[in-house]
Amino acid sequence: MLAVVYGCMGLIFLPFFALAGMLGAFAQHAQPNQAAPAALVGGLLLGMGIFFPIIYAAMGFILGIVSAALYNLVARWIGGFEVEVE
């Protein structure tokens, strides 16, 4: 569940990376003395925009496992929560 939620949150950033990549591709005419070609930087930003939701979902999955393990460890020490409903 957490991987899906983080993946959807990563999709929010996709248009921003795509826009930055497209603007970077056109920036090579503005500054001709750059170290890296602007088209290469623009392509990298587009690639990052595509892979960012995948990486974000994977990290959400890993952090979900770690946080669940920490919760179970701490709950074992202090007893956790007990709820009684009538």
PDB file of N, CA and C in Angstrom:
ATOM      1  N   MET A   1       0.819  -1.199   0.000  1.00  0.00           N
ATOM      2  CA  MET A   1       0.000   0.000   0.000  1.00  0.00           C
ATOM      3  C   MET A   1       0.861   1.261   0.000  1.00  0.00           C
ATOM      4  N   LEU A   2       1.875   1.228   0.844  1.00  0.00           N
ATOM      5  CA  LEU A   2       2.709   2.424   0.962  1.00  0.00           C
ATOM      6  C   LEU A   2       3.484   2.697  -0.329  1.00  0.00           C
ATOM      7  N   ALA A   3       3.892   1.650  -1.033  1.00  0.00           N
ATOM      8  CA  ALA A   3       4.597   1.842  -2.297  1.00  0.00           C
ATOM      9  C   ALA A   3       3.686   2.497  -3.333  1.00  0.00           C
ATOM     10  N   VAL A   4       2.415   2.119  -3.351  1.00  0.00           N
ATOM     11  CA  VAL A   4       1.473   2.718  -4.301  1.00  0.00           C
ATOM     12  C   VAL A   4       1.244   4.190  -3.964  1.00  0.00           C
ATOM     13  N   VAL A   5       1.110   4.488  -2.681  1.00  0.00           N
ATOM     14  CA  VAL A   5       0.891   5.875  -2.263  1.00  0.00           C
ATOM     15  C   VAL A   5       2.101   6.733  -2.623  1.00  0.00           C
ATOM     16  N   TYR A   6       3.298   6.243  -2.346  1.00  0.00           N
ATOM     17  CA  TYR A   6       4.499   7.001  -2.676  1.00  0.00           C
ATOM     18  C   TYR A   6       4.686   7.111  -4.186  1.00  0.00           C
ATOM     19  N   GLY A   7       4.311   6.071  -4.930  1.00  0.00           N
ATOM     20  CA  GLY A   7       4.379   6.150  -6.381  1.00  0.00           C
ATOM     21  C   GLY A   7       3.453   7.211  -6.933  1.00  0.00           C
ATOM     22  N   CYS A   8       2.246   7.299  -6.371  1.00  0.00           N
ATOM     23  CA  CYS A   8       1.308   8.347  -6.807  1.00  0.00           C
ATOM     24  C   CYS A   8       1.821   9.731  -6.433  1.00  0.00           C
ATOM     25  N   MET A   9       2.468   9.836  -5.281  1.00  0.00           N
ATOM     26  CA  MET A   9       3.050  11.125  -4.910  1.00  0.00           C
ATOM     27  C   MET A   9       4.197  11.483  -5.849  1.00  0.00           C
ATOM     28  N   GLY A  10       4.939  10.483  -6.306  1.00  0.00           N
ATOM     29  CA  GLY A  10       6.008  10.733  -7.263  1.00  0.00           C
ATOM     30  C   GLY A  10       5.478  11.207  -8.602  1.00  0.00           C
ATOM     31  N   LEU A  11       4.272  10.783  -8.965  1.00  0.00           N
ATOM     32  CA  LEU A  11       3.668  11.234 -10.220  1.00  0.00           C
ATOM     33  C   LEU A  11       3.337  12.721 -10.189  1.00  0.00           C
ATOM     34  N   ILE A  12       3.181  13.269  -8.988  1.00  0.00           N
ATOM     35  CA  ILE A  12       2.909  14.703  -8.867  1.00  0.00           C
ATOM     36  C   ILE A  12       4.092  15.517  -9.384  1.00  0.00           C
ATOM     37  N   PHE A  13       5.315  15.011  -9.172  1.00  0.00           N
ATOM     38  CA  PHE A  13       6.511  15.742  -9.586  1.00  0.00           C
ATOM     39  C   PHE A  13       6.848  15.535 -11.056  1.00  0.00           C
ATOM     40  N   LEU A  14       6.218  14.590 -11.723  1.00  0.00           N
ATOM     41  CA  LEU A  14       6.525  14.281 -13.112  1.00  0.00           C
ATOM     42  C   LEU A  14       6.356  15.476 -14.050  1.00  0.00           C
ATOM     43  N   PRO A  15       5.262  16.244 -13.985  1.00  0.00           N
ATOM     44  CA  PRO A  15       5.152  17.388 -14.908  1.00  0.00           C
ATOM     45  C   PRO A  15       6.227  18.460 -14.695  1.00  0.00           C
ATOM     46  N   PHE A  16       6.671  18.627 -13.460  1.00  0.00           N
ATOM     47  CA  PHE A  16       7.695  19.631 -13.185  1.00  0.00           C
ATOM     48  C   PHE A  16       9.041  19.235 -13.793  1.00  0.00           C
ATOM     49  N   PHE A  17       9.404  17.943 -13.673  1.00  0.00           N
ATOM     50  CA  PHE A  17      10.646  17.478 -14.287  1.00  0.00           C
ATOM     51  C   PHE A  17      10.545  17.523 -15.806  1.00  0.00           C
ATOM     52  N   ALA A  18       9.390  17.184 -16.361  1.00  0.00           N
ATOM     53  CA  ALA A  18       9.214  17.228 -17.813  1.00  0.00           C
ATOM     54  C   ALA A  18       9.319  18.666 -18.324  1.00  0.00           C
ATOM     55  N   LEU A  19       8.720  19.592 -17.616  1.00  0.00           N
ATOM     56  CA  LEU A  19       8.793  20.990 -18.013  1.00  0.00           C
ATOM     57  C   LEU A  19      10.231  21.510 -17.929  1.00  0.00           C
ATOM     58  N   ALA A  20      10.932  21.155 -16.862  1.00  0.00           N
ATOM     59  CA  ALA A  20      12.320  21.582 -16.722  1.00  0.00           C
ATOM     60  C   ALA A  20      13.181  20.970 -17.819  1.00  0.00           C
ATOM     61  N   GLY A  21      12.901  19.729 -18.187  1.00  0.00           N
ATOM     62  CA  GLY A  21      13.651  19.091 -19.257  1.00  0.00           C
ATOM     63  C   GLY A  21      13.415  19.750 -20.600  1.00  0.00           C
ATOM     64  N   MET A  22      12.166  20.098 -20.876  1.00  0.00           N
ATOM     65  CA  MET A  22      11.869  20.769 -22.155  1.00  0.00           C
ATOM     66  C   MET A  22      12.480  22.163 -22.197  1.00  0.00           C
ATOM     67  N   LEU A  23      12.429  22.887 -21.089  1.00  0.00           N
ATOM     68  CA  LEU A  23      13.038  24.221 -21.059  1.00  0.00           C
ATOM     69  C   LEU A  23      14.557  24.131 -21.155  1.00  0.00           C
ATOM     70  N   GLY A  24      15.136  23.090 -20.574  1.00  0.00           N
ATOM     71  CA  GLY A  24      16.584  22.914 -20.653  1.00  0.00           C
ATOM     72  C   GLY A  24      17.062  22.602 -22.050  1.00  0.00           C
ATOM     73  N   ALA A  25      16.227  21.929 -22.843  1.00  0.00           N
ATOM     74  CA  ALA A  25      16.610  21.622 -24.216  1.00  0.00           C
ATOM     75  C   ALA A  25      16.686  22.884 -25.061  1.00  0.00           C
ATOM     76  N   PHE A  26      15.881  23.877 -24.737  1.00  0.00           N
ATOM     77  CA  PHE A  26      15.897  25.126 -25.500  1.00  0.00           C
ATOM     78  C   PHE A  26      16.881  26.146 -24.937  1.00  0.00           C
ATOM     79  N   ALA A  27      17.505  25.855 -23.811  1.00  0.00           N
ATOM     80  CA  ALA A  27      18.385  26.826 -23.163  1.00  0.00           C
ATOM     81  C   ALA A  27      19.769  26.870 -23.775  1.00  0.00           C
ATOM     82  N   GLN A  28      20.101  25.959 -24.684  1.00  0.00           N
ATOM     83  CA  GLN A  28      21.458  25.953 -25.231  1.00  0.00           C
ATOM     84  C   GLN A  28      21.744  27.176 -26.088  1.00  0.00           C
ATOM     85  N   HIS A  29      20.721  27.802 -26.614  1.00  0.00           N
ATOM     86  CA  HIS A  29      20.935  29.009 -27.413  1.00  0.00           C
ATOM     87  C   HIS A  29      21.117  30.241 -26.538  1.00  0.00           C
ATOM     88  N   ALA A  30      20.673  30.168 -25.296  1.00  0.00           N
ATOM     89  CA  ALA A  30      20.785  31.319 -24.403  1.00  0.00           C
ATOM     90  C   ALA A  30      22.199  31.468 -23.864  1.00  0.00           C
ATOM     91  N   GLN A  31      22.873  30.342 -23.549  1.00  0.00           N
ATOM     92  CA  GLN A  31      24.221  30.397 -22.993  1.00  0.00           C
ATOM     93  C   GLN A  31      25.109  29.436 -23.790  1.00  0.00           C
ATOM     94  N   PRO A  32      25.836  29.904 -24.760  1.00  0.00           N
ATOM     95  CA  PRO A  32      26.609  28.992 -25.610  1.00  0.00           C
ATOM     96  C   PRO A  32      27.856  28.418 -24.941  1.00  0.00           C
ATOM     97  N   ASN A  33      28.375  29.002 -23.868  1.00  0.00           N
ATOM     98  CA  ASN A  33      29.617  28.544 -23.239  1.00  0.00           C
ATOM     99  C   ASN A  33      29.343  27.699 -22.002  1.00  0.00           C
ATOM    100  N   GLN A  34      28.517  26.703 -22.114  1.00  0.00           N
ATOM    101  CA  GLN A  34      28.222  25.825 -20.973  1.00  0.00           C
ATOM    102  C   GLN A  34      29.159  24.631 -20.986  1.00  0.00           C
ATOM    103  N   ALA A  35      29.343  24.005 -19.806  1.00  0.00           N
ATOM    104  CA  ALA A  35      30.197  22.828 -19.709  1.00  0.00           C
ATOM    105  C   ALA A  35      29.531  21.619 -20.365  1.00  0.00           C
ATOM    106  N   ALA A  36      28.247  21.418 -20.127  1.00  0.00           N
ATOM    107  CA  ALA A  36      27.509  20.304 -20.718  1.00  0.00           C
ATOM    108  C   ALA A  36      26.462  20.859 -21.676  1.00  0.00           C
ATOM    109  N   PRO A  37      26.215  20.166 -22.781  1.00  0.00           N
ATOM    110  CA  PRO A  37      25.174  20.646 -23.694  1.00  0.00           C
ATOM    111  C   PRO A  37      23.809  20.659 -23.016  1.00  0.00           C
ATOM    112  N   ALA A  38      23.067  21.693 -23.279  1.00  0.00           N
ATOM    113  CA  ALA A  38      21.771  21.845 -22.632  1.00  0.00           C
ATOM    114  C   ALA A  38      20.802  20.754 -23.061  1.00  0.00           C
ATOM    115  N   ALA A  39      20.925  20.237 -24.273  1.00  0.00           N
ATOM    116  CA  ALA A  39      20.050  19.152 -24.717  1.00  0.00           C
ATOM    117  C   ALA A  39      20.299  17.894 -23.894  1.00  0.00           C
ATOM    118  N   LEU A  40      21.553  17.649 -23.519  1.00  0.00           N
ATOM    119  CA  LEU A  40      21.873  16.490 -22.676  1.00  0.00           C
ATOM    120  C   LEU A  40      21.263  16.656 -21.293  1.00  0.00           C
ATOM    121  N   VAL A  41      21.379  17.838 -20.728  1.00  0.00           N
ATOM    122  CA  VAL A  41      20.790  18.110 -19.420  1.00  0.00           C
ATOM    123  C   VAL A  41      19.272  18.004 -19.482  1.00  0.00           C
ATOM    124  N   GLY A  42      18.679  18.514 -20.542  1.00  0.00           N
ATOM    125  CA  GLY A  42      17.237  18.403 -20.715  1.00  0.00           C
ATOM    126  C   GLY A  42      16.793  16.959 -20.829  1.00  0.00           C
ATOM    127  N   GLY A  43      17.543  16.151 -21.570  1.00  0.00           N
ATOM    128  CA  GLY A  43      17.227  14.723 -21.678  1.00  0.00           C
ATOM    129  C   GLY A  43      17.357  13.999 -20.359  1.00  0.00           C
ATOM    130  N   LEU A  44      18.370  14.353 -19.586  1.00  0.00           N
ATOM    131  CA  LEU A  44      18.521  13.740 -18.259  1.00  0.00           C
ATOM    132  C   LEU A  44      17.352  14.096 -17.349  1.00  0.00           C
ATOM    133  N   LEU A  45      16.893  15.343 -17.410  1.00  0.00           N
ATOM    134  CA  LEU A  45      15.752  15.731 -16.592  1.00  0.00           C
ATOM    135  C   LEU A  45      14.485  15.006 -17.022  1.00  0.00           C
ATOM    136  N   LEU A  46      14.301  14.801 -18.319  1.00  0.00           N
ATOM    137  CA  LEU A  46      13.145  14.033 -18.778  1.00  0.00           C
ATOM    138  C   LEU A  46      13.243  12.583 -18.308  1.00  0.00           C
ATOM    139  N   GLY A  47      14.444  12.011 -18.378  1.00  0.00           N
ATOM    140  CA  GLY A  47      14.640  10.643 -17.880  1.00  0.00           C
ATOM    141  C   GLY A  47      14.394  10.538 -16.391  1.00  0.00           C
ATOM    142  N   MET A  48      14.860  11.530 -15.643  1.00  0.00           N
ATOM    143  CA  MET A  48      14.601  11.534 -14.204  1.00  0.00           C
ATOM    144  C   MET A  48      13.115  11.653 -13.921  1.00  0.00           C
ATOM    145  N   GLY A  49      12.420  12.443 -14.720  1.00  0.00           N
ATOM    146  CA  GLY A  49      10.975  12.591 -14.532  1.00  0.00           C
ATOM    147  C   GLY A  49      10.237  11.291 -14.762  1.00  0.00           C
ATOM    148  N   ILE A  50      10.720  10.481 -15.694  1.00  0.00           N
ATOM    149  CA  ILE A  50      10.070   9.197 -15.954  1.00  0.00           C
ATOM    150  C   ILE A  50      10.377   8.194 -14.851  1.00  0.00           C
ATOM    151  N   PHE A  51      11.633   8.130 -14.405  1.00  0.00           N
ATOM    152  CA  PHE A  51      12.016   7.140 -13.414  1.00  0.00           C
ATOM    153  C   PHE A  51      11.782   7.580 -11.979  1.00  0.00           C
ATOM    154  N   PHE A  52      11.506   8.848 -11.757  1.00  0.00           N
ATOM    155  CA  PHE A  52      11.316   9.348 -10.388  1.00  0.00           C
ATOM    156  C   PHE A  52      10.151   8.671  -9.662  1.00  0.00           C
ATOM    157  N   PRO A  53       8.977   8.500 -10.278  1.00  0.00           N
ATOM    158  CA  PRO A  53       7.898   7.813  -9.551  1.00  0.00           C
ATOM    159  C   PRO A  53       8.237   6.361  -9.208  1.00  0.00           C
ATOM    160  N   ILE A  54       8.997   5.697 -10.067  1.00  0.00           N
ATOM    161  CA  ILE A  54       9.381   4.313  -9.800  1.00  0.00           C
ATOM    162  C   ILE A  54      10.338   4.254  -8.614  1.00  0.00           C
ATOM    163  N   ILE A  55      11.327   5.118  -8.620  1.00  0.00           N
ATOM    164  CA  ILE A  55      12.297   5.148  -7.522  1.00  0.00           C
ATOM    165  C   ILE A  55      11.613   5.580  -6.227  1.00  0.00           C
ATOM    166  N   TYR A  56      10.726   6.546  -6.311  1.00  0.00           N
ATOM    167  CA  TYR A  56      10.010   7.027  -5.128  1.00  0.00           C
ATOM    168  C   TYR A  56       9.136   5.923  -4.533  1.00  0.00           C
ATOM    169  N   ALA A  57       8.489   5.122  -5.395  1.00  0.00           N
ATOM    170  CA  ALA A  57       7.668   4.006  -4.915  1.00  0.00           C
ATOM    171  C   ALA A  57       8.535   2.940  -4.259  1.00  0.00           C
ATOM    172  N   ALA A  58       9.686   2.648  -4.834  1.00  0.00           N
ATOM    173  CA  ALA A  58      10.591   1.655  -4.244  1.00  0.00           C
ATOM    174  C   ALA A  58      11.095   2.116  -2.879  1.00  0.00           C
ATOM    175  N   MET A  59      11.450   3.391  -2.775  1.00  0.00           N
ATOM    176  CA  MET A  59      11.909   3.903  -1.485  1.00  0.00           C
ATOM    177  C   MET A  59      10.781   3.930  -0.463  1.00  0.00           C
ATOM    178  N   GLY A  60       9.561   4.212  -0.894  1.00  0.00           N
ATOM    179  CA  GLY A  60       8.418   4.153   0.012  1.00  0.00           C
ATOM    180  C   GLY A  60       8.185   2.748   0.522  1.00  0.00           C
ATOM    181  N   PHE A  61       8.366   1.756  -0.356  1.00  0.00           N
ATOM    182  CA  PHE A  61       8.217   0.361   0.051  1.00  0.00           C
ATOM    183  C   PHE A  61       9.268  -0.022   1.084  1.00  0.00           C
ATOM    184  N   ILE A  62      10.520   0.346   0.824  1.00  0.00           N
ATOM    185  CA  ILE A  62      11.610   0.011   1.750  1.00  0.00           C
ATOM    186  C   ILE A  62      11.417   0.729   3.087  1.00  0.00           C
ATOM    187  N   LEU A  63      11.066   2.013   3.057  1.00  0.00           N
ATOM    188  CA  LEU A  63      10.850   2.748   4.301  1.00  0.00           C
ATOM    189  C   LEU A  63       9.625   2.235   5.047  1.00  0.00           C
ATOM    190  N   GLY A  64       8.628   1.741   4.322  1.00  0.00           N
ATOM    191  CA  GLY A  64       7.468   1.126   4.973  1.00  0.00           C
ATOM    192  C   GLY A  64       7.849  -0.128   5.730  1.00  0.00           C
ATOM    193  N   ILE A  65       8.718  -0.947   5.141  1.00  0.00           N
ATOM    194  CA  ILE A  65       9.191  -2.160   5.815  1.00  0.00           C
ATOM    195  C   ILE A  65       9.991  -1.799   7.065  1.00  0.00           C
ATOM    196  N   VAL A  66      10.883  -0.823   6.931  1.00  0.00           N
ATOM    197  CA  VAL A  66      11.721  -0.423   8.069  1.00  0.00           C
ATOM    198  C   VAL A  66      10.867   0.166   9.192  1.00  0.00           C
ATOM    199  N   SER A  67       9.911   1.037   8.851  1.00  0.00           N
ATOM    200  CA  SER A  67       9.085   1.644   9.895  1.00  0.00           C
ATOM    201  C   SER A  67       8.165   0.617  10.550  1.00  0.00           C
ATOM    202  N   ALA A  68       7.672  -0.370   9.801  1.00  0.00           N
ATOM    203  CA  ALA A  68       6.848  -1.426  10.404  1.00  0.00           C
ATOM    204  C   ALA A  68       7.677  -2.285  11.350  1.00  0.00           C
ATOM    205  N   ALA A  69       8.922  -2.576  10.963  1.00  0.00           N
ATOM    206  CA  ALA A  69       9.796  -3.361  11.838  1.00  0.00           C
ATOM    207  C   ALA A  69      10.119  -2.590  13.114  1.00  0.00           C
ATOM    208  N   LEU A  70      10.376  -1.281  12.990  1.00  0.00           N
ATOM    209  CA  LEU A  70      10.642  -0.470  14.182  1.00  0.00           C
ATOM    210  C   LEU A  70       9.417  -0.394  15.090  1.00  0.00           C
ATOM    211  N   TYR A  71       8.233  -0.251  14.499  1.00  0.00           N
ATOM    212  CA  TYR A  71       7.018  -0.213  15.302  1.00  0.00           C
ATOM    213  C   TYR A  71       6.826  -1.529  16.053  1.00  0.00           C
ATOM    214  N   ASN A  72       7.029  -2.654  15.367  1.00  0.00           N
ATOM    215  CA  ASN A  72       6.865  -3.947  16.023  1.00  0.00           C
ATOM    216  C   ASN A  72       7.875  -4.137  17.144  1.00  0.00           C
ATOM    217  N   LEU A  73       9.092  -3.640  16.961  1.00  0.00           N
ATOM    218  CA  LEU A  73      10.113  -3.747  18.000  1.00  0.00           C
ATOM    219  C   LEU A  73       9.734  -2.914  19.220  1.00  0.00           C
ATOM    220  N   VAL A  74       9.330  -1.673  18.995  1.00  0.00           N
ATOM    221  CA  VAL A  74       8.955  -0.794  20.101  1.00  0.00           C
ATOM    222  C   VAL A  74       7.669  -1.277  20.766  1.00  0.00           C
ATOM    223  N   ALA A  75       6.715  -1.777  19.991  1.00  0.00           N
ATOM    224  CA  ALA A  75       5.459  -2.271  20.552  1.00  0.00           C
ATOM    225  C   ALA A  75       5.703  -3.491  21.435  1.00  0.00           C
ATOM    226  N   ARG A  76       6.698  -4.299  21.088  1.00  0.00           N
ATOM    227  CA  ARG A  76       7.044  -5.451  21.918  1.00  0.00           C
ATOM    228  C   ARG A  76       7.611  -4.999  23.262  1.00  0.00           C
ATOM    229  N   TRP A  77       8.362  -3.885  23.265  1.00  0.00           N
ATOM    230  CA  TRP A  77       8.949  -3.395  24.500  1.00  0.00           C
ATOM    231  C   TRP A  77       7.929  -2.723  25.404  1.00  0.00           C
ATOM    232  N   ILE A  78       7.056  -1.885  24.843  1.00  0.00           N
ATOM    233  CA  ILE A  78       6.139  -1.114  25.692  1.00  0.00           C
ATOM    234  C   ILE A  78       4.720  -1.658  25.693  1.00  0.00           C
ATOM    235  N   GLY A  79       4.451  -2.663  24.887  1.00  0.00           N
ATOM    236  CA  GLY A  79       3.139  -3.294  24.942  1.00  0.00           C
ATOM    237  C   GLY A  79       2.174  -2.871  23.869  1.00  0.00           C
ATOM    238  N   GLY A  80       2.443  -1.823  23.140  1.00  0.00           N
ATOM    239  CA  GLY A  80       1.555  -1.404  22.073  1.00  0.00           C
ATOM    240  C   GLY A  80       0.274  -0.790  22.600  1.00  0.00           C
ATOM    241  N   PHE A  81      -0.746  -0.763  21.773  1.00  0.00           N
ATOM    242  CA  PHE A  81      -2.043  -0.179  22.127  1.00  0.00           C
ATOM    243  C   PHE A  81      -3.065  -1.286  22.236  1.00  0.00           C
ATOM    244  N   GLU A  82      -3.953  -1.145  23.192  1.00  0.00           N
ATOM    245  CA  GLU A  82      -5.058  -2.082  23.323  1.00  0.00           C
ATOM    246  C   GLU A  82      -6.350  -1.290  23.339  1.00  0.00           C
ATOM    247  N   VAL A  83      -7.257  -1.630  22.454  1.00  0.00           N
ATOM    248  CA  VAL A  83      -8.528  -0.922  22.334  1.00  0.00           C
ATOM    249  C   VAL A  83      -9.646  -1.914  22.580  1.00  0.00           C
ATOM    250  N   GLU A  84     -10.567  -1.550  23.497  1.00  0.00           N
ATOM    251  CA  GLU A  84     -11.728  -2.378  23.767  1.00  0.00           C
ATOM    252  C   GLU A  84     -12.974  -1.626  23.313  1.00  0.00           C
ATOM    253  N   VAL A  85     -13.774  -2.278  22.492  1.00  0.00           N
ATOM    254  CA  VAL A  85     -14.981  -1.667  21.952  1.00  0.00           C
ATOM    255  C   VAL A  85     -16.185  -2.474  22.424  1.00  0.00           C
ATOM    256  N   GLU A  86     -17.181  -1.786  22.962  1.00  0.00           N
ATOM    257  CA  GLU A  86     -18.401  -2.478  23.410  1.00  0.00           C
ATOM    258  C   GLU A  86     -19.516  -2.312  22.429  1.00  0.00           C
TER     259      GLU A  86
END
